């Protein structure tokens, strides 16, 4: 069950990163990326 949750979270996370890059808001969101990644674990 944890594996399925991880795969779903990872896919959503990658989509989230793609949205960040398209928004050109990388400097403001780099800190958020670290928080989101740690929350997945």
N, C-alpha and C. Protein backbone atom coordinates (compact mmCIF):
# COMPACT_ATOMS: atom_id res chain seq x y z
N UNK A 1 0.84 -1.21 0.00
CA UNK A 1 0.00 0.00 0.00
C UNK A 1 0.87 1.25 0.00
N UNK A 2 1.97 1.20 0.76
CA UNK A 2 2.86 2.35 0.80
C UNK A 2 3.49 2.62 -0.56
N UNK A 3 3.78 1.53 -1.30
CA UNK A 3 4.39 1.68 -2.61
C UNK A 3 3.44 2.40 -3.56
N UNK A 4 2.18 2.02 -3.54
CA UNK A 4 1.20 2.66 -4.42
C UNK A 4 1.06 4.13 -4.06
N UNK A 5 1.02 4.43 -2.78
CA UNK A 5 0.89 5.81 -2.34
C UNK A 5 2.10 6.62 -2.79
N UNK A 6 3.29 6.01 -2.67
CA UNK A 6 4.52 6.69 -3.07
C UNK A 6 4.50 7.00 -4.56
N UNK A 7 4.09 6.01 -5.38
CA UNK A 7 4.06 6.21 -6.83
C UNK A 7 3.11 7.34 -7.19
N UNK A 8 1.94 7.37 -6.55
CA UNK A 8 0.96 8.41 -6.83
C UNK A 8 1.49 9.78 -6.42
N UNK A 9 2.10 9.83 -5.24
CA UNK A 9 2.64 11.10 -4.74
C UNK A 9 3.77 11.59 -5.63
N UNK A 10 4.61 10.65 -6.09
CA UNK A 10 5.74 11.02 -6.95
C UNK A 10 5.25 11.60 -8.27
N UNK A 11 4.23 10.96 -8.87
CA UNK A 11 3.68 11.45 -10.13
C UNK A 11 3.13 12.86 -9.95
N UNK A 12 2.40 13.08 -8.86
CA UNK A 12 1.83 14.39 -8.59
C UNK A 12 2.95 15.40 -8.35
N UNK A 13 4.03 14.96 -7.70
CA UNK A 13 5.16 15.83 -7.41
C UNK A 13 5.85 16.26 -8.70
N UNK A 14 6.01 15.33 -9.63
CA UNK A 14 6.64 15.65 -10.90
C UNK A 14 5.77 16.63 -11.69
N UNK A 15 4.46 16.45 -11.65
CA UNK A 15 3.56 17.38 -12.32
C UNK A 15 3.68 18.76 -11.66
N UNK A 16 3.86 18.75 -10.34
CA UNK A 16 4.01 20.00 -9.58
C UNK A 16 5.28 20.72 -10.01
N UNK A 17 6.37 19.97 -10.17
CA UNK A 17 7.62 20.58 -10.61
C UNK A 17 7.47 21.14 -12.02
N UNK A 18 6.74 20.44 -12.87
CA UNK A 18 6.52 20.91 -14.23
C UNK A 18 5.75 22.22 -14.23
N UNK A 19 4.79 22.34 -13.32
CA UNK A 19 4.00 23.56 -13.23
C UNK A 19 4.87 24.71 -12.75
N UNK A 20 5.80 24.41 -11.84
CA UNK A 20 6.70 25.44 -11.33
C UNK A 20 7.56 25.98 -12.46
N UNK A 21 8.12 25.08 -13.26
CA UNK A 21 9.01 25.50 -14.35
C UNK A 21 8.25 26.33 -15.37
N UNK A 22 7.00 25.97 -15.65
CA UNK A 22 6.22 26.70 -16.64
C UNK A 22 5.82 28.07 -16.10
N UNK A 23 5.71 28.18 -14.77
CA UNK A 23 5.33 29.46 -14.16
C UNK A 23 6.54 30.38 -14.00
N UNK A 24 7.74 29.84 -14.20
CA UNK A 24 8.97 30.61 -14.04
C UNK A 24 9.07 31.19 -12.64
N UNK A 25 8.68 30.41 -11.64
CA UNK A 25 8.73 30.89 -10.26
C UNK A 25 9.71 30.04 -9.46
N UNK A 26 10.78 29.61 -10.09
CA UNK A 26 11.74 28.70 -9.45
C UNK A 26 12.37 29.27 -8.17
N UNK A 27 12.86 30.51 -8.17
CA UNK A 27 13.52 31.04 -6.96
C UNK A 27 12.61 31.03 -5.74
N UNK A 28 11.34 31.33 -5.93
CA UNK A 28 10.41 31.42 -4.80
C UNK A 28 9.93 30.06 -4.34
N UNK A 29 10.05 29.05 -5.21
CA UNK A 29 9.47 27.75 -4.89
C UNK A 29 10.52 26.70 -4.54
N UNK A 30 11.80 27.04 -4.64
CA UNK A 30 12.83 26.05 -4.33
C UNK A 30 12.69 25.56 -2.89
N UNK A 31 12.41 26.46 -1.96
CA UNK A 31 12.25 26.07 -0.56
C UNK A 31 11.05 25.15 -0.41
N UNK A 32 9.98 25.42 -1.14
CA UNK A 32 8.78 24.60 -1.07
C UNK A 32 9.07 23.19 -1.58
N UNK A 33 9.93 23.08 -2.59
CA UNK A 33 10.26 21.77 -3.16
C UNK A 33 10.88 20.88 -2.08
N UNK A 34 11.76 21.44 -1.28
CA UNK A 34 12.42 20.65 -0.23
C UNK A 34 11.38 20.17 0.78
N UNK A 35 10.46 21.05 1.18
CA UNK A 35 9.44 20.68 2.15
C UNK A 35 8.56 19.56 1.58
N UNK A 36 8.14 19.70 0.33
CA UNK A 36 7.26 18.69 -0.28
C UNK A 36 7.97 17.35 -0.37
N UNK A 37 9.24 17.38 -0.72
CA UNK A 37 9.98 16.12 -0.87
C UNK A 37 10.12 15.42 0.49
N UNK A 38 10.38 16.19 1.54
CA UNK A 38 10.54 15.58 2.87
C UNK A 38 9.21 15.04 3.36
N UNK A 39 8.11 15.68 2.98
CA UNK A 39 6.79 15.22 3.42
C UNK A 39 6.45 13.88 2.79
N UNK A 40 6.95 13.62 1.58
CA UNK A 40 6.67 12.34 0.92
C UNK A 40 7.28 11.19 1.71
N UNK A 41 8.38 11.45 2.38
CA UNK A 41 9.02 10.41 3.18
C UNK A 41 8.41 10.41 4.57
